[in-house]
Each structure stands twice: as structure tokens, then as C-alpha cells.
Amino acid sequence: MKTQVVDFDTWNLLSGVLYEEAASLDEQRWEDWLSLYADNCVYWVQAWDSEHELSCNPENDVSLIYMDNKSMLEDRKWRFTSGTSPASVPLPRTNHLIGNVQLVEFSGEKAVLKSHWQVASYRFRELTQIAGRSRYMLTLDNGLWKIEQRQTVLVNDQVQTTLDLYHI
């Protein structure tokens, strides 16, 4: 893999999208979180087919979460904030930790980043830990970097709680 080089300001803008996504989720700033996504975004959390094999086609294989546009994210956000999803009442407190952020590709208008993350989720006096890694494709839209694709793998895909967008 060829190492990508970008200037410091560009790196801060790119990696800042990942950090802002985490902060928006932790602070339950849902509109800020949604604003980070492009209208044609794809949000995919792969399932494990076996102990070391992941599903590879969200159209044909089982996925933990698969949403192929922003309106699906908006609909899900409405469900867990409106009180109509019993699995999300009350919403947990979360703490997202983002690390090992790497720039994989950069073209000036598009960027691909990878990161590892951990989320602590606290609800009903229980702390749940979820860990994983994500691959982001960002695109420049009117001077702002937007998430066009987020592909996520959970390390512990059998969690002791419901799994929703705010956990990842």
C-alpha cells in the first residue's frame, strides 16, 4: 500500500470528520451527526459468516446494519429519538474512542480513511463495550468533507444489548 501524504490542515479536516461523528453521537447531537453524511451515503455494518470470514455483499448477504441513503439514517434516528423504539428507551450514554486513523487514498475530492474504535455504552446500570474498525470514504461537497460510505466490522458482534447506530 502506498503511503498517502497530505498537508496538516487537510489531515485535520479529514480526521476531524471521524472525531466529530463520535462527539455528535456521544453528545446526542443528532442533526450534527446526520449533517456529516452525504445524501447518497452507504452505512454498512458487515456480519461475520464464520469466525474469520465476513459477509461481502450487502445486497445478498446478511448484514448487521445496511442503509443505502441518508433518508434511511434519518428514519432510524427518528425512531430512536422519538420514543417509539422500546429498545432505545432510555437512550444509553455512550463514549466513542477513535484511534489508529490512517489515510488510505486521497485525490483532492475523495479520501479513504480507516480507523479502529471502541464504544462504551451505559444503560440500566450496565456498561457494555463494543469494538471494531471502520473504513470511510469521504467526498468534498461544497467545501465540506462528507461521509459517502462507512463500512464497519464489529469485533464482538454478539453484544449483550440491542445494537443501533449510536453504538457504533
N, C-alpha and C. Protein backbone atom coordinates (compact mmCIF):
# COMPACT_ATOMS: atom_id res chain seq x y z
N MET A 1 0.84 -1.17 0.00
CA MET A 1 0.00 0.00 0.00
C MET A 1 0.89 1.24 0.00
N LYS A 2 0.62 2.17 -0.89
CA LYS A 2 1.40 3.38 -0.98
C LYS A 2 0.96 4.38 0.09
N THR A 3 1.91 4.97 0.77
CA THR A 3 1.62 5.95 1.80
C THR A 3 1.12 7.24 1.15
N GLN A 4 0.02 7.75 1.66
CA GLN A 4 -0.55 8.99 1.16
C GLN A 4 -0.01 10.15 1.99
N VAL A 5 0.25 11.27 1.33
CA VAL A 5 0.75 12.44 2.02
C VAL A 5 -0.21 13.60 1.76
N VAL A 6 -0.66 14.21 2.83
CA VAL A 6 -1.48 15.42 2.74
C VAL A 6 -0.93 16.43 3.73
N ASP A 7 -1.26 17.69 3.53
CA ASP A 7 -0.78 18.71 4.46
C ASP A 7 -1.55 18.61 5.78
N PHE A 8 -1.01 19.27 6.78
CA PHE A 8 -1.55 19.20 8.14
C PHE A 8 -3.01 19.66 8.20
N ASP A 9 -3.33 20.76 7.52
CA ASP A 9 -4.70 21.28 7.55
C ASP A 9 -5.68 20.30 6.92
N THR A 10 -5.29 19.69 5.81
CA THR A 10 -6.16 18.70 5.16
C THR A 10 -6.35 17.49 6.06
N TRP A 11 -5.26 17.02 6.69
CA TRP A 11 -5.37 15.89 7.61
C TRP A 11 -6.33 16.20 8.75
N ASN A 12 -6.23 17.40 9.31
CA ASN A 12 -7.13 17.79 10.40
C ASN A 12 -8.58 17.80 9.96
N LEU A 13 -8.84 18.28 8.74
CA LEU A 13 -10.22 18.29 8.23
C LEU A 13 -10.74 16.87 8.03
N LEU A 14 -9.92 16.02 7.44
CA LEU A 14 -10.35 14.65 7.16
C LEU A 14 -10.57 13.86 8.45
N SER A 15 -9.57 13.82 9.31
CA SER A 15 -9.71 13.05 10.55
C SER A 15 -10.75 13.69 11.47
N GLY A 16 -10.91 15.01 11.35
CA GLY A 16 -11.90 15.72 12.15
C GLY A 16 -13.32 15.23 11.90
N VAL A 17 -13.60 14.74 10.70
CA VAL A 17 -14.93 14.20 10.40
C VAL A 17 -15.20 12.99 11.29
N LEU A 18 -14.22 12.12 11.45
CA LEU A 18 -14.39 10.93 12.29
C LEU A 18 -14.57 11.32 13.76
N TYR A 19 -13.77 12.28 14.22
CA TYR A 19 -13.87 12.71 15.61
C TYR A 19 -15.18 13.44 15.88
N GLU A 20 -15.64 14.23 14.91
CA GLU A 20 -16.92 14.95 15.08
C GLU A 20 -18.07 13.97 15.08
N GLU A 21 -17.99 12.92 14.26
CA GLU A 21 -19.05 11.92 14.27
C GLU A 21 -19.15 11.29 15.67
N ALA A 22 -18.03 10.92 16.24
CA ALA A 22 -18.01 10.33 17.58
C ALA A 22 -18.58 11.29 18.62
N ALA A 23 -18.14 12.54 18.58
CA ALA A 23 -18.61 13.53 19.56
C ALA A 23 -20.11 13.79 19.41
N SER A 24 -20.58 13.87 18.17
CA SER A 24 -22.01 14.11 17.93
C SER A 24 -22.85 12.97 18.49
N LEU A 25 -22.40 11.75 18.31
CA LEU A 25 -23.13 10.60 18.86
C LEU A 25 -23.12 10.62 20.38
N ASP A 26 -21.95 10.87 20.97
CA ASP A 26 -21.85 10.88 22.44
C ASP A 26 -22.68 11.98 23.07
N GLU A 27 -22.75 13.13 22.40
CA GLU A 27 -23.47 14.28 22.93
C GLU A 27 -24.92 14.32 22.44
N GLN A 28 -25.33 13.30 21.70
CA GLN A 28 -26.68 13.17 21.16
C GLN A 28 -27.09 14.40 20.35
N ARG A 29 -26.14 14.90 19.57
CA ARG A 29 -26.41 15.99 18.63
C ARG A 29 -26.73 15.34 17.28
N TRP A 30 -27.94 14.85 17.17
CA TRP A 30 -28.33 14.01 16.04
C TRP A 30 -28.29 14.75 14.71
N GLU A 31 -28.71 15.99 14.67
CA GLU A 31 -28.69 16.73 13.41
C GLU A 31 -27.25 17.01 12.97
N ASP A 32 -26.38 17.29 13.91
CA ASP A 32 -24.96 17.47 13.58
C ASP A 32 -24.39 16.17 13.02
N TRP A 33 -24.76 15.05 13.65
CA TRP A 33 -24.29 13.74 13.18
C TRP A 33 -24.77 13.49 11.75
N LEU A 34 -26.06 13.72 11.51
CA LEU A 34 -26.60 13.49 10.16
C LEU A 34 -25.95 14.40 9.12
N SER A 35 -25.60 15.61 9.52
CA SER A 35 -25.02 16.57 8.56
C SER A 35 -23.65 16.12 8.06
N LEU A 36 -23.04 15.17 8.73
CA LEU A 36 -21.74 14.66 8.29
C LEU A 36 -21.86 13.68 7.12
N TYR A 37 -23.07 13.23 6.83
CA TYR A 37 -23.30 12.22 5.80
C TYR A 37 -23.81 12.85 4.50
N ALA A 38 -23.31 12.34 3.38
CA ALA A 38 -23.78 12.74 2.07
C ALA A 38 -25.18 12.15 1.84
N ASP A 39 -25.95 12.77 0.97
CA ASP A 39 -27.31 12.28 0.69
C ASP A 39 -27.31 10.86 0.14
N ASN A 40 -26.30 10.51 -0.64
CA ASN A 40 -26.23 9.19 -1.27
C ASN A 40 -25.34 8.23 -0.47
N CYS A 41 -25.25 8.44 0.83
CA CYS A 41 -24.33 7.64 1.66
C CYS A 41 -24.75 6.18 1.75
N VAL A 42 -23.77 5.36 2.06
CA VAL A 42 -23.99 3.95 2.37
C VAL A 42 -23.39 3.71 3.75
N TYR A 43 -24.19 3.15 4.65
CA TYR A 43 -23.78 2.82 6.01
C TYR A 43 -23.96 1.31 6.17
N TRP A 44 -22.84 0.60 6.25
CA TRP A 44 -22.91 -0.85 6.25
C TRP A 44 -22.10 -1.43 7.39
N VAL A 45 -22.75 -2.24 8.22
CA VAL A 45 -22.08 -2.99 9.28
C VAL A 45 -22.15 -4.45 8.87
N GLN A 46 -21.00 -4.98 8.49
CA GLN A 46 -20.92 -6.34 7.99
C GLN A 46 -21.19 -7.36 9.09
N ALA A 47 -21.70 -8.50 8.69
CA ALA A 47 -21.88 -9.63 9.61
C ALA A 47 -20.74 -10.62 9.37
N TRP A 48 -20.47 -11.42 10.37
CA TRP A 48 -19.48 -12.48 10.24
C TRP A 48 -20.18 -13.72 9.69
N ASP A 49 -19.68 -14.24 8.58
CA ASP A 49 -20.20 -15.51 8.03
C ASP A 49 -19.65 -16.69 8.81
N SER A 50 -18.44 -16.56 9.29
CA SER A 50 -17.82 -17.58 10.13
C SER A 50 -16.85 -16.84 11.05
N GLU A 51 -16.05 -17.56 11.79
CA GLU A 51 -15.16 -16.93 12.78
C GLU A 51 -14.21 -15.90 12.17
N HIS A 52 -13.79 -16.12 10.91
CA HIS A 52 -12.84 -15.19 10.30
C HIS A 52 -13.25 -14.75 8.90
N GLU A 53 -14.49 -14.99 8.51
CA GLU A 53 -14.97 -14.60 7.19
C GLU A 53 -16.15 -13.65 7.33
N LEU A 54 -16.05 -12.52 6.64
CA LEU A 54 -17.11 -11.52 6.68
C LEU A 54 -18.05 -11.65 5.49
N SER A 55 -19.29 -11.22 5.69
CA SER A 55 -20.19 -11.11 4.55
C SER A 55 -19.58 -10.09 3.59
N CYS A 56 -19.81 -10.27 2.31
CA CYS A 56 -19.13 -9.37 1.36
C CYS A 56 -20.07 -8.65 0.42
N ASN A 57 -21.36 -8.93 0.48
CA ASN A 57 -22.29 -8.26 -0.42
C ASN A 57 -23.55 -7.89 0.37
N PRO A 58 -23.73 -6.61 0.67
CA PRO A 58 -24.88 -6.22 1.49
C PRO A 58 -26.22 -6.43 0.80
N GLU A 59 -26.21 -6.55 -0.51
CA GLU A 59 -27.45 -6.77 -1.25
C GLU A 59 -27.92 -8.23 -1.14
N ASN A 60 -26.98 -9.16 -0.95
CA ASN A 60 -27.32 -10.58 -0.95
C ASN A 60 -27.05 -11.30 0.36
N ASP A 61 -26.13 -10.78 1.17
CA ASP A 61 -25.73 -11.44 2.41
C ASP A 61 -26.38 -10.76 3.61
N VAL A 62 -26.38 -11.46 4.73
CA VAL A 62 -26.88 -10.89 5.98
C VAL A 62 -25.92 -9.78 6.42
N SER A 63 -26.49 -8.67 6.86
CA SER A 63 -25.71 -7.57 7.43
C SER A 63 -26.29 -7.24 8.80
N LEU A 64 -25.46 -6.71 9.69
CA LEU A 64 -25.97 -6.26 10.98
C LEU A 64 -26.77 -4.97 10.80
N ILE A 65 -26.27 -4.08 9.94
CA ILE A 65 -26.98 -2.86 9.56
C ILE A 65 -26.61 -2.56 8.12
N TYR A 66 -27.59 -2.19 7.32
CA TYR A 66 -27.31 -1.75 5.96
C TYR A 66 -28.32 -0.67 5.57
N MET A 67 -27.82 0.50 5.31
CA MET A 67 -28.64 1.63 4.87
C MET A 67 -27.95 2.27 3.69
N ASP A 68 -28.67 2.42 2.59
CA ASP A 68 -28.01 2.89 1.37
C ASP A 68 -28.39 4.30 0.95
N ASN A 69 -28.89 5.10 1.89
CA ASN A 69 -29.07 6.53 1.63
C ASN A 69 -29.32 7.26 2.95
N LYS A 70 -29.18 8.55 2.91
CA LYS A 70 -29.29 9.35 4.12
C LYS A 70 -30.70 9.33 4.71
N SER A 71 -31.72 9.20 3.88
CA SER A 71 -33.08 9.19 4.41
C SER A 71 -33.31 7.98 5.32
N MET A 72 -32.61 6.88 5.05
CA MET A 72 -32.72 5.72 5.94
C MET A 72 -32.08 6.01 7.29
N LEU A 73 -30.95 6.74 7.29
CA LEU A 73 -30.33 7.15 8.55
C LEU A 73 -31.26 8.09 9.31
N GLU A 74 -31.87 9.03 8.59
CA GLU A 74 -32.80 9.97 9.22
C GLU A 74 -33.99 9.24 9.84
N ASP A 75 -34.52 8.24 9.13
CA ASP A 75 -35.64 7.47 9.64
C ASP A 75 -35.25 6.72 10.91
N ARG A 76 -34.09 6.10 10.90
CA ARG A 76 -33.64 5.37 12.08
C ARG A 76 -33.41 6.32 13.26
N LYS A 77 -32.82 7.46 12.97
CA LYS A 77 -32.61 8.48 14.02
C LYS A 77 -33.94 8.89 14.62
N TRP A 78 -34.96 9.09 13.80
CA TRP A 78 -36.28 9.47 14.29
C TRP A 78 -36.83 8.38 15.22
N ARG A 79 -36.64 7.11 14.83
CA ARG A 79 -37.17 6.02 15.66
C ARG A 79 -36.54 5.97 17.04
N PHE A 80 -35.21 6.13 17.09
CA PHE A 80 -34.60 6.01 18.42
C PHE A 80 -34.66 7.29 19.23
N THR A 81 -35.04 8.40 18.64
CA THR A 81 -35.19 9.64 19.42
C THR A 81 -36.65 9.98 19.72
N SER A 82 -37.58 9.35 19.01
CA SER A 82 -39.00 9.68 19.18
C SER A 82 -39.64 8.93 20.34
N GLY A 83 -38.97 7.92 20.86
CA GLY A 83 -39.55 7.12 21.93
C GLY A 83 -40.39 5.96 21.40
N THR A 84 -40.46 5.77 20.08
CA THR A 84 -41.26 4.69 19.52
C THR A 84 -40.49 3.38 19.41
N SER A 85 -39.22 3.39 19.73
CA SER A 85 -38.41 2.17 19.71
C SER A 85 -38.12 1.78 21.16
N PRO A 86 -38.87 0.82 21.70
CA PRO A 86 -38.66 0.43 23.10
C PRO A 86 -37.22 0.02 23.41
N ALA A 87 -36.52 -0.52 22.42
CA ALA A 87 -35.14 -0.93 22.64
C ALA A 87 -34.20 0.25 22.86
N SER A 88 -34.69 1.47 22.56
CA SER A 88 -33.85 2.66 22.69
C SER A 88 -34.33 3.60 23.79
N VAL A 89 -35.24 3.14 24.65
CA VAL A 89 -35.75 3.98 25.73
C VAL A 89 -35.33 3.38 27.06
N PRO A 90 -34.55 4.06 27.84
CA PRO A 90 -33.89 5.33 27.52
C PRO A 90 -32.67 5.09 26.63
N LEU A 91 -32.28 6.14 25.93
CA LEU A 91 -31.06 6.05 25.13
C LEU A 91 -29.87 5.88 26.07
N PRO A 92 -28.91 5.06 25.69
CA PRO A 92 -27.74 4.89 26.55
C PRO A 92 -26.82 6.11 26.48
N ARG A 93 -26.01 6.26 27.49
CA ARG A 93 -24.89 7.20 27.41
C ARG A 93 -23.76 6.45 26.73
N THR A 94 -23.09 7.11 25.81
CA THR A 94 -22.01 6.45 25.08
C THR A 94 -20.73 7.27 25.14
N ASN A 95 -19.63 6.57 24.95
CA ASN A 95 -18.33 7.21 24.84
C ASN A 95 -17.55 6.51 23.73
N HIS A 96 -17.37 7.22 22.62
CA HIS A 96 -16.66 6.69 21.46
C HIS A 96 -15.20 7.08 21.55
N LEU A 97 -14.34 6.11 21.34
CA LEU A 97 -12.90 6.34 21.31
C LEU A 97 -12.40 5.94 19.93
N ILE A 98 -11.83 6.87 19.20
CA ILE A 98 -11.36 6.64 17.83
C ILE A 98 -9.84 6.61 17.85
N GLY A 99 -9.25 5.64 17.16
CA GLY A 99 -7.79 5.55 17.12
C GLY A 99 -7.30 4.90 15.85
N ASN A 100 -5.98 4.87 15.71
CA ASN A 100 -5.32 4.26 14.55
C ASN A 100 -5.90 4.76 13.23
N VAL A 101 -6.14 6.05 13.15
CA VAL A 101 -6.71 6.62 11.93
C VAL A 101 -5.61 6.64 10.87
N GLN A 102 -5.93 6.10 9.70
CA GLN A 102 -4.98 6.04 8.59
C GLN A 102 -5.63 6.59 7.33
N LEU A 103 -4.86 7.31 6.57
CA LEU A 103 -5.30 7.76 5.25
C LEU A 103 -4.87 6.69 4.25
N VAL A 104 -5.84 6.12 3.55
CA VAL A 104 -5.56 5.04 2.60
C VAL A 104 -5.42 5.59 1.18
N GLU A 105 -6.32 6.50 0.81
CA GLU A 105 -6.29 7.11 -0.52
C GLU A 105 -6.70 8.57 -0.40
N PHE A 106 -6.18 9.38 -1.32
CA PHE A 106 -6.55 10.79 -1.35
C PHE A 106 -6.39 11.30 -2.78
N SER A 107 -7.43 11.97 -3.27
CA SER A 107 -7.36 12.51 -4.63
C SER A 107 -7.66 14.00 -4.68
N GLY A 108 -7.90 14.64 -3.58
CA GLY A 108 -8.28 16.05 -3.57
C GLY A 108 -9.77 16.25 -3.39
N GLU A 109 -10.57 15.40 -4.05
CA GLU A 109 -12.03 15.45 -3.93
C GLU A 109 -12.59 14.27 -3.17
N LYS A 110 -11.79 13.22 -3.05
CA LYS A 110 -12.20 12.00 -2.35
C LYS A 110 -11.06 11.55 -1.44
N ALA A 111 -11.44 10.93 -0.34
CA ALA A 111 -10.46 10.39 0.59
C ALA A 111 -11.01 9.11 1.20
N VAL A 112 -10.13 8.17 1.45
CA VAL A 112 -10.50 6.94 2.14
C VAL A 112 -9.65 6.87 3.41
N LEU A 113 -10.33 6.72 4.55
CA LEU A 113 -9.66 6.60 5.83
C LEU A 113 -10.10 5.31 6.50
N LYS A 114 -9.22 4.77 7.33
CA LYS A 114 -9.56 3.62 8.16
C LYS A 114 -9.31 4.02 9.61
N SER A 115 -10.10 3.43 10.50
CA SER A 115 -9.88 3.68 11.92
C SER A 115 -10.31 2.45 12.72
N HIS A 116 -9.81 2.39 13.93
CA HIS A 116 -10.26 1.42 14.91
C HIS A 116 -10.99 2.21 15.98
N TRP A 117 -11.92 1.59 16.66
CA TRP A 117 -12.70 2.31 17.65
C TRP A 117 -13.20 1.37 18.75
N GLN A 118 -13.55 2.00 19.85
CA GLN A 118 -14.20 1.32 20.96
C GLN A 118 -15.31 2.22 21.45
N VAL A 119 -16.43 1.62 21.82
CA VAL A 119 -17.54 2.38 22.37
C VAL A 119 -17.95 1.76 23.69
N ALA A 120 -18.01 2.59 24.70
CA ALA A 120 -18.58 2.19 25.99
C ALA A 120 -20.00 2.72 26.01
N SER A 121 -20.93 1.86 26.34
CA SER A 121 -22.35 2.22 26.37
C SER A 121 -22.90 1.89 27.75
N TYR A 122 -23.55 2.87 28.37
CA TYR A 122 -24.06 2.68 29.72
C TYR A 122 -25.58 2.87 29.72
N ARG A 123 -26.27 1.83 30.17
CA ARG A 123 -27.74 1.86 30.22
C ARG A 123 -28.20 0.84 31.25
N PHE A 124 -29.20 1.20 32.03
CA PHE A 124 -29.74 0.32 33.07
C PHE A 124 -28.66 -0.20 34.00
N ARG A 125 -27.74 0.68 34.37
CA ARG A 125 -26.66 0.37 35.31
C ARG A 125 -25.71 -0.71 34.81
N GLU A 126 -25.64 -0.88 33.49
CA GLU A 126 -24.72 -1.86 32.90
C GLU A 126 -23.87 -1.17 31.85
N LEU A 127 -22.59 -1.50 31.88
CA LEU A 127 -21.65 -0.98 30.90
C LEU A 127 -21.36 -2.07 29.88
N THR A 128 -21.54 -1.73 28.62
CA THR A 128 -21.26 -2.65 27.51
C THR A 128 -20.15 -2.06 26.67
N GLN A 129 -19.20 -2.91 26.28
CA GLN A 129 -18.10 -2.49 25.42
C GLN A 129 -18.29 -3.10 24.04
N ILE A 130 -18.16 -2.27 23.01
CA ILE A 130 -18.21 -2.73 21.63
C ILE A 130 -16.97 -2.19 20.94
N ALA A 131 -16.31 -3.03 20.15
CA ALA A 131 -15.09 -2.61 19.47
C ALA A 131 -15.19 -2.99 18.00
N GLY A 132 -14.47 -2.24 17.17
CA GLY A 132 -14.46 -2.56 15.76
C GLY A 132 -13.51 -1.69 14.97
N ARG A 133 -13.68 -1.79 13.67
CA ARG A 133 -12.90 -0.97 12.76
C ARG A 133 -13.82 -0.52 11.64
N SER A 134 -13.50 0.63 11.08
CA SER A 134 -14.33 1.21 10.02
C SER A 134 -13.46 1.70 8.88
N ARG A 135 -14.06 1.69 7.72
CA ARG A 135 -13.45 2.26 6.51
C ARG A 135 -14.42 3.32 6.02
N TYR A 136 -13.91 4.53 5.89
CA TYR A 136 -14.73 5.67 5.46
C TYR A 136 -14.30 6.14 4.08
N MET A 137 -15.27 6.42 3.22
CA MET A 137 -14.98 7.15 2.00
C MET A 137 -15.61 8.53 2.19
N LEU A 138 -14.76 9.54 2.13
CA LEU A 138 -15.22 10.91 2.28
C LEU A 138 -15.18 11.59 0.92
N THR A 139 -16.12 12.50 0.70
CA THR A 139 -16.15 13.26 -0.54
C THR A 139 -16.31 14.73 -0.21
N LEU A 140 -15.67 15.58 -0.99
CA LEU A 140 -15.75 17.02 -0.78
C LEU A 140 -17.04 17.53 -1.40
N ASP A 141 -17.86 18.21 -0.59
CA ASP A 141 -19.16 18.70 -1.03
C ASP A 141 -19.31 20.15 -0.58
N ASN A 142 -19.23 21.06 -1.52
CA ASN A 142 -19.33 22.50 -1.22
C ASN A 142 -18.35 22.92 -0.12
N GLY A 143 -17.14 22.43 -0.21
CA GLY A 143 -16.09 22.81 0.73
C GLY A 143 -16.09 22.03 2.03
N LEU A 144 -17.03 21.11 2.22
CA LEU A 144 -17.10 20.31 3.44
C LEU A 144 -16.91 18.83 3.10
N TRP A 145 -16.16 18.14 3.94
CA TRP A 145 -15.98 16.70 3.76
C TRP A 145 -17.19 15.99 4.34
N LYS A 146 -17.80 15.12 3.53
CA LYS A 146 -18.98 14.35 3.92
C LYS A 146 -18.67 12.87 3.83
N ILE A 147 -19.32 12.10 4.67
CA ILE A 147 -19.16 10.65 4.64
C ILE A 147 -20.06 10.10 3.54
N GLU A 148 -19.43 9.52 2.54
CA GLU A 148 -20.18 8.91 1.44
C GLU A 148 -20.40 7.42 1.71
N GLN A 149 -19.42 6.80 2.35
CA GLN A 149 -19.56 5.38 2.72
C GLN A 149 -18.90 5.16 4.07
N ARG A 150 -19.56 4.37 4.87
CA ARG A 150 -18.95 3.87 6.10
C ARG A 150 -19.18 2.38 6.15
N GLN A 151 -18.12 1.63 6.12
CA GLN A 151 -18.16 0.17 6.18
C GLN A 151 -17.51 -0.23 7.49
N THR A 152 -18.26 -0.96 8.31
CA THR A 152 -17.84 -1.24 9.67
C THR A 152 -17.84 -2.74 9.96
N VAL A 153 -16.85 -3.15 10.73
CA VAL A 153 -16.75 -4.53 11.21
C VAL A 153 -16.71 -4.48 12.73
N LEU A 154 -17.60 -5.20 13.37
CA LEU A 154 -17.57 -5.32 14.83
C LEU A 154 -16.69 -6.50 15.21
N VAL A 155 -15.82 -6.29 16.18
CA VAL A 155 -15.01 -7.39 16.68
C VAL A 155 -15.89 -8.33 17.49
N ASN A 156 -16.67 -7.76 18.38
CA ASN A 156 -17.59 -8.55 19.20
C ASN A 156 -19.00 -8.33 18.67
N ASP A 157 -19.38 -9.13 17.70
CA ASP A 157 -20.67 -8.93 17.05
C ASP A 157 -21.83 -9.55 17.82
N GLN A 158 -21.57 -10.24 18.90
CA GLN A 158 -22.63 -10.75 19.75
C GLN A 158 -22.61 -9.96 21.05
N VAL A 159 -23.22 -8.78 21.01
CA VAL A 159 -23.21 -7.88 22.16
C VAL A 159 -24.38 -8.21 23.08
N GLN A 160 -24.25 -7.78 24.32
CA GLN A 160 -25.24 -8.09 25.35
C GLN A 160 -26.40 -7.11 25.38
N THR A 161 -26.58 -6.33 24.34
CA THR A 161 -27.61 -5.32 24.30
C THR A 161 -28.12 -5.19 22.87
N THR A 162 -29.09 -4.34 22.69
CA THR A 162 -29.51 -4.04 21.33
C THR A 162 -28.36 -3.31 20.65
N LEU A 163 -28.33 -3.34 19.35
CA LEU A 163 -27.28 -2.67 18.59
C LEU A 163 -27.93 -1.66 17.68
N ASP A 164 -27.49 -0.41 17.79
CA ASP A 164 -28.05 0.63 16.92
C ASP A 164 -26.94 1.56 16.49
N LEU A 165 -27.30 2.54 15.69
CA LEU A 165 -26.31 3.45 15.09
C LEU A 165 -25.49 4.18 16.14
N TYR A 166 -26.07 4.51 17.26
CA TYR A 166 -25.35 5.27 18.29
C TYR A 166 -24.32 4.41 19.03
N HIS A 167 -24.37 3.10 18.86
CA HIS A 167 -23.38 2.21 19.48
C HIS A 167 -22.10 2.08 18.67
N ILE A 168 -22.11 2.57 17.44
CA ILE A 168 -21.02 2.29 16.51
C ILE A 168 -20.28 3.57 16.14
